[in-house]
């Protein structure tokens, strides 16, 4: 159905954008994980994990 609206040139352009869209998707996913669970991820980094120690 989509091929009715897009010609061969549009498919060629869309194919060249696939790596770019994939890279931005990966960067967005990492950024979302960093922003959402920063303490959980940085707990694995040796120097930074001491900042999150709780004094109980």
PDB file of N, CA and C in Angstrom:
ATOM      1  N   UNK A   1       0.824  -1.190   0.000  1.00  0.00           N
ATOM      2  CA  UNK A   1       0.000   0.000   0.000  1.00  0.00           C
ATOM      3  C   UNK A   1       0.871   1.257   0.000  1.00  0.00           C
ATOM      4  N   UNK A   2       1.953   1.204   0.733  1.00  0.00           N
ATOM      5  CA  UNK A   2       2.830   2.363   0.795  1.00  0.00           C
ATOM      6  C   UNK A   2       3.541   2.594  -0.535  1.00  0.00           C
ATOM      7  N   UNK A   3       3.760   1.528  -1.282  1.00  0.00           N
ATOM      8  CA  UNK A   3       4.456   1.675  -2.561  1.00  0.00           C
ATOM      9  C   UNK A   3       3.618   2.437  -3.580  1.00  0.00           C
ATOM     10  N   UNK A   4       2.331   2.549  -3.350  1.00  0.00           N
ATOM     11  CA  UNK A   4       1.497   3.356  -4.246  1.00  0.00           C
ATOM     12  C   UNK A   4       1.817   4.834  -4.137  1.00  0.00           C
ATOM     13  N   UNK A   5       2.182   5.267  -2.940  1.00  0.00           N
ATOM     14  CA  UNK A   5       2.422   6.687  -2.697  1.00  0.00           C
ATOM     15  C   UNK A   5       3.876   7.082  -2.881  1.00  0.00           C
ATOM     16  N   UNK A   6       4.782   6.147  -2.710  1.00  0.00           N
ATOM     17  CA  UNK A   6       6.206   6.445  -2.824  1.00  0.00           C
ATOM     18  C   UNK A   6       6.769   5.845  -4.101  1.00  0.00           C
ATOM     19  N   UNK A   7       7.496   6.647  -4.831  1.00  0.00           N
ATOM     20  CA  UNK A   7       8.124   6.165  -6.049  1.00  0.00           C
ATOM     21  C   UNK A   7       9.492   5.564  -5.762  1.00  0.00           C
ATOM     22  N   UNK A   8      10.191   5.118  -6.810  1.00  0.00           N
ATOM     23  CA  UNK A   8      11.512   4.495  -6.619  1.00  0.00           C
ATOM     24  C   UNK A   8      12.536   5.440  -5.996  1.00  0.00           C
ATOM     25  N   UNK A   9      12.466   6.709  -6.356  1.00  0.00           N
ATOM     26  CA  UNK A   9      13.422   7.671  -5.796  1.00  0.00           C
ATOM     27  C   UNK A   9      13.207   7.826  -4.286  1.00  0.00           C
ATOM     28  N   UNK A  10      11.959   7.847  -3.857  1.00  0.00           N
ATOM     29  CA  UNK A  10      11.665   7.981  -2.430  1.00  0.00           C
ATOM     30  C   UNK A  10      12.149   6.765  -1.651  1.00  0.00           C
ATOM     31  N   UNK A  11      12.009   5.568  -2.243  1.00  0.00           N
ATOM     32  CA  UNK A  11      12.499   4.360  -1.583  1.00  0.00           C
ATOM     33  C   UNK A  11      14.016   4.389  -1.463  1.00  0.00           C
ATOM     34  N   UNK A  12      14.683   4.919  -2.472  1.00  0.00           N
ATOM     35  CA  UNK A  12      16.145   5.016  -2.431  1.00  0.00           C
ATOM     36  C   UNK A  12      16.595   5.982  -1.328  1.00  0.00           C
ATOM     37  N   UNK A  13      15.902   7.107  -1.219  1.00  0.00           N
ATOM     38  CA  UNK A  13      16.221   8.069  -0.158  1.00  0.00           C
ATOM     39  C   UNK A  13      15.943   7.480   1.223  1.00  0.00           C
ATOM     40  N   UNK A  14      14.831   6.777   1.358  1.00  0.00           N
ATOM     41  CA  UNK A  14      14.500   6.165   2.648  1.00  0.00           C
ATOM     42  C   UNK A  14      15.544   5.118   3.031  1.00  0.00           C
ATOM     43  N   UNK A  15      16.039   4.376   2.055  1.00  0.00           N
ATOM     44  CA  UNK A  15      17.064   3.374   2.332  1.00  0.00           C
ATOM     45  C   UNK A  15      18.369   3.981   2.793  1.00  0.00           C
ATOM     46  N   UNK A  16      18.685   5.160   2.303  1.00  0.00           N
ATOM     47  CA  UNK A  16      19.933   5.802   2.721  1.00  0.00           C
ATOM     48  C   UNK A  16      19.822   6.411   4.123  1.00  0.00           C
ATOM     49  N   UNK A  17      18.608   6.630   4.602  1.00  0.00           N
ATOM     50  CA  UNK A  17      18.412   7.204   5.932  1.00  0.00           C
ATOM     51  C   UNK A  17      18.350   6.149   7.030  1.00  0.00           C
ATOM     52  N   UNK A  18      18.282   4.875   6.683  1.00  0.00           N
ATOM     53  CA  UNK A  18      18.144   3.816   7.686  1.00  0.00           C
ATOM     54  C   UNK A  18      19.299   3.807   8.692  1.00  0.00           C
ATOM     55  N   UNK A  19      20.577   3.903   8.278  1.00  0.00           N
ATOM     56  CA  UNK A  19      21.657   3.929   9.283  1.00  0.00           C
ATOM     57  C   UNK A  19      21.575   5.140  10.221  1.00  0.00           C
ATOM     58  N   UNK A  20      21.188   6.282   9.689  1.00  0.00           N
ATOM     59  CA  UNK A  20      21.085   7.493  10.504  1.00  0.00           C
ATOM     60  C   UNK A  20      19.975   7.353  11.538  1.00  0.00           C
ATOM     61  N   UNK A  21      18.837   6.863  11.102  1.00  0.00           N
ATOM     62  CA  UNK A  21      17.712   6.680  12.021  1.00  0.00           C
ATOM     63  C   UNK A  21      18.053   5.631  13.080  1.00  0.00           C
ATOM     64  N   UNK A  22      18.745   4.586  12.681  1.00  0.00           N
ATOM     65  CA  UNK A  22      19.155   3.563  13.640  1.00  0.00           C
ATOM     66  C   UNK A  22      20.105   4.111  14.688  1.00  0.00           C
ATOM     67  N   UNK A  23      21.048   4.944  14.256  1.00  0.00           N
ATOM     68  CA  UNK A  23      22.010   5.525  15.201  1.00  0.00           C
ATOM     69  C   UNK A  23      21.310   6.470  16.169  1.00  0.00           C
ATOM     70  N   UNK A  24      20.416   7.325  15.669  1.00  0.00           N
ATOM     71  CA  UNK A  24      19.694   8.232  16.552  1.00  0.00           C
ATOM     72  C   UNK A  24      18.793   7.463  17.508  1.00  0.00           C
ATOM     73  N   UNK A  25      18.243   6.352  17.057  1.00  0.00           N
ATOM     74  CA  UNK A  25      17.435   5.518  17.944  1.00  0.00           C
ATOM     75  C   UNK A  25      18.261   4.923  19.063  1.00  0.00           C
ATOM     76  N   UNK A  26      19.480   4.477  18.729  1.00  0.00           N
ATOM     77  CA  UNK A  26      20.363   3.918  19.750  1.00  0.00           C
ATOM     78  C   UNK A  26      20.792   4.995  20.743  1.00  0.00           C
ATOM     79  N   UNK A  27      21.133   6.168  20.246  1.00  0.00           N
ATOM     80  CA  UNK A  27      21.532   7.269  21.133  1.00  0.00           C
ATOM     81  C   UNK A  27      20.366   7.674  22.031  1.00  0.00           C
ATOM     82  N   UNK A  28      19.175   7.717  21.476  1.00  0.00           N
ATOM     83  CA  UNK A  28      18.000   8.057  22.274  1.00  0.00           C
ATOM     84  C   UNK A  28      17.710   7.035  23.348  1.00  0.00           C
ATOM     85  N   UNK A  29      17.900   5.761  23.016  1.00  0.00           N
ATOM     86  CA  UNK A  29      17.671   4.707  23.999  1.00  0.00           C
ATOM     87  C   UNK A  29      18.668   4.795  25.146  1.00  0.00           C
ATOM     88  N   UNK A  30      19.933   5.004  24.816  1.00  0.00           N
ATOM     89  CA  UNK A  30      20.957   5.149  25.863  1.00  0.00           C
ATOM     90  C   UNK A  30      20.686   6.402  26.697  1.00  0.00           C
ATOM     91  N   UNK A  31      20.300   7.485  26.042  1.00  0.00           N
ATOM     92  CA  UNK A  31      19.986   8.712  26.770  1.00  0.00           C
ATOM     93  C   UNK A  31      18.800   8.549  27.699  1.00  0.00           C
ATOM     94  N   UNK A  32      17.801   7.814  27.259  1.00  0.00           N
ATOM     95  CA  UNK A  32      16.646   7.569  28.105  1.00  0.00           C
ATOM     96  C   UNK A  32      17.020   6.711  29.308  1.00  0.00           C
ATOM     97  N   UNK A  33      17.820   5.701  29.075  1.00  0.00           N
ATOM     98  CA  UNK A  33      18.265   4.852  30.189  1.00  0.00           C
ATOM     99  C   UNK A  33      19.132   5.646  31.156  1.00  0.00           C
ATOM    100  N   UNK A  34      19.982   6.519  30.628  1.00  0.00           N
ATOM    101  CA  UNK A  34      20.845   7.330  31.490  1.00  0.00           C
ATOM    102  C   UNK A  34      20.012   8.287  32.335  1.00  0.00           C
ATOM    103  N   UNK A  35      19.014   8.891  31.720  1.00  0.00           N
ATOM    104  CA  UNK A  35      18.202   9.849  32.453  1.00  0.00           C
ATOM    105  C   UNK A  35      17.257   9.205  33.446  1.00  0.00           C
ATOM    106  N   UNK A  36      16.773   8.020  33.123  1.00  0.00           N
ATOM    107  CA  UNK A  36      15.764   7.387  33.967  1.00  0.00           C
ATOM    108  C   UNK A  36      16.377   6.641  35.145  1.00  0.00           C
ATOM    109  N   UNK A  37      17.456   5.921  34.916  1.00  0.00           N
ATOM    110  CA  UNK A  37      18.016   5.073  35.963  1.00  0.00           C
ATOM    111  C   UNK A  37      19.496   5.362  36.127  1.00  0.00           C
ATOM    112  N   UNK A  38      19.823   6.612  36.262  1.00  0.00           N
ATOM    113  CA  UNK A  38      21.216   7.040  36.332  1.00  0.00           C
ATOM    114  C   UNK A  38      21.967   6.348  37.471  1.00  0.00           C
ATOM    115  N   UNK A  39      21.346   6.259  38.623  1.00  0.00           N
ATOM    116  CA  UNK A  39      22.024   5.670  39.776  1.00  0.00           C
ATOM    117  C   UNK A  39      22.271   4.184  39.558  1.00  0.00           C
ATOM    118  N   UNK A  40      21.348   3.484  38.949  1.00  0.00           N
ATOM    119  CA  UNK A  40      21.525   2.051  38.714  1.00  0.00           C
ATOM    120  C   UNK A  40      22.644   1.782  37.718  1.00  0.00           C
ATOM    121  N   UNK A  41      22.747   2.616  36.687  1.00  0.00           N
ATOM    122  CA  UNK A  41      23.780   2.418  35.665  1.00  0.00           C
ATOM    123  C   UNK A  41      25.144   2.837  36.190  1.00  0.00           C
ATOM    124  N   UNK A  42      25.212   3.987  36.861  1.00  0.00           N
ATOM    125  CA  UNK A  42      26.493   4.480  37.356  1.00  0.00           C
ATOM    126  C   UNK A  42      27.001   3.680  38.551  1.00  0.00           C
ATOM    127  N   UNK A  43      26.182   2.827  39.100  1.00  0.00           N
ATOM    128  CA  UNK A  43      26.617   1.966  40.191  1.00  0.00           C
ATOM    129  C   UNK A  43      27.673   0.966  39.722  1.00  0.00           C
ATOM    130  N   UNK A  44      27.767   0.741  38.418  1.00  0.00           N
ATOM    131  CA  UNK A  44      28.743  -0.195  37.853  1.00  0.00           C
ATOM    132  C   UNK A  44      30.076   0.485  37.566  1.00  0.00           C
ATOM    133  N   UNK A  45      30.134   1.813  37.586  1.00  0.00           N
ATOM    134  CA  UNK A  45      31.366   2.541  37.303  1.00  0.00           C
ATOM    135  C   UNK A  45      32.157   2.651  38.610  1.00  0.00           C
ATOM    136  N   UNK A  46      33.406   2.166  38.654  1.00  0.00           N
ATOM    137  CA  UNK A  46      34.140   2.079  39.924  1.00  0.00           C
ATOM    138  C   UNK A  46      34.300   3.410  40.671  1.00  0.00           C
ATOM    139  N   UNK A  47      34.672   4.482  39.994  1.00  0.00           N
ATOM    140  CA  UNK A  47      34.933   5.741  40.693  1.00  0.00           C
ATOM    141  C   UNK A  47      33.645   6.391  41.188  1.00  0.00           C
ATOM    142  N   UNK A  48      32.592   6.304  40.396  1.00  0.00           N
ATOM    143  CA  UNK A  48      31.367   7.033  40.701  1.00  0.00           C
ATOM    144  C   UNK A  48      30.489   6.290  41.700  1.00  0.00           C
ATOM    145  N   UNK A  49      30.603   4.955  41.773  1.00  0.00           N
ATOM    146  CA  UNK A  49      29.664   4.223  42.622  1.00  0.00           C
ATOM    147  C   UNK A  49      29.816   4.566  44.099  1.00  0.00           C
ATOM    148  N   UNK A  50      30.935   5.144  44.525  1.00  0.00           N
ATOM    149  CA  UNK A  50      31.075   5.525  45.926  1.00  0.00           C
ATOM    150  C   UNK A  50      30.220   6.751  46.263  1.00  0.00           C
ATOM    151  N   UNK A  51      29.817   7.508  45.264  1.00  0.00           N
ATOM    152  CA  UNK A  51      28.971   8.687  45.514  1.00  0.00           C
ATOM    153  C   UNK A  51      27.551   8.307  45.912  1.00  0.00           C
ATOM    154  N   UNK A  52      27.145   7.083  45.558  1.00  0.00           N
ATOM    155  CA  UNK A  52      25.781   6.668  45.833  1.00  0.00           C
ATOM    156  C   UNK A  52      25.658   5.778  47.057  1.00  0.00           C
ATOM    157  N   UNK A  53      26.709   5.630  47.813  1.00  0.00           N
ATOM    158  CA  UNK A  53      26.647   4.810  49.014  1.00  0.00           C
ATOM    159  C   UNK A  53      25.767   5.512  50.046  1.00  0.00           C
ATOM    160  N   UNK A  54      24.920   4.732  50.676  1.00  0.00           N
ATOM    161  CA  UNK A  54      24.029   5.307  51.672  1.00  0.00           C
ATOM    162  C   UNK A  54      24.600   5.050  53.064  1.00  0.00           C
ATOM    163  N   UNK A  55      24.646   6.082  53.883  1.00  0.00           N
ATOM    164  CA  UNK A  55      25.108   5.940  55.263  1.00  0.00           C
ATOM    165  C   UNK A  55      23.930   5.507  56.109  1.00  0.00           C
ATOM    166  N   UNK A  56      23.938   4.253  56.480  1.00  0.00           N
ATOM    167  CA  UNK A  56      22.813   3.726  57.258  1.00  0.00           C
ATOM    168  C   UNK A  56      23.227   3.547  58.695  1.00  0.00           C
TER     169      UNK A  56
END
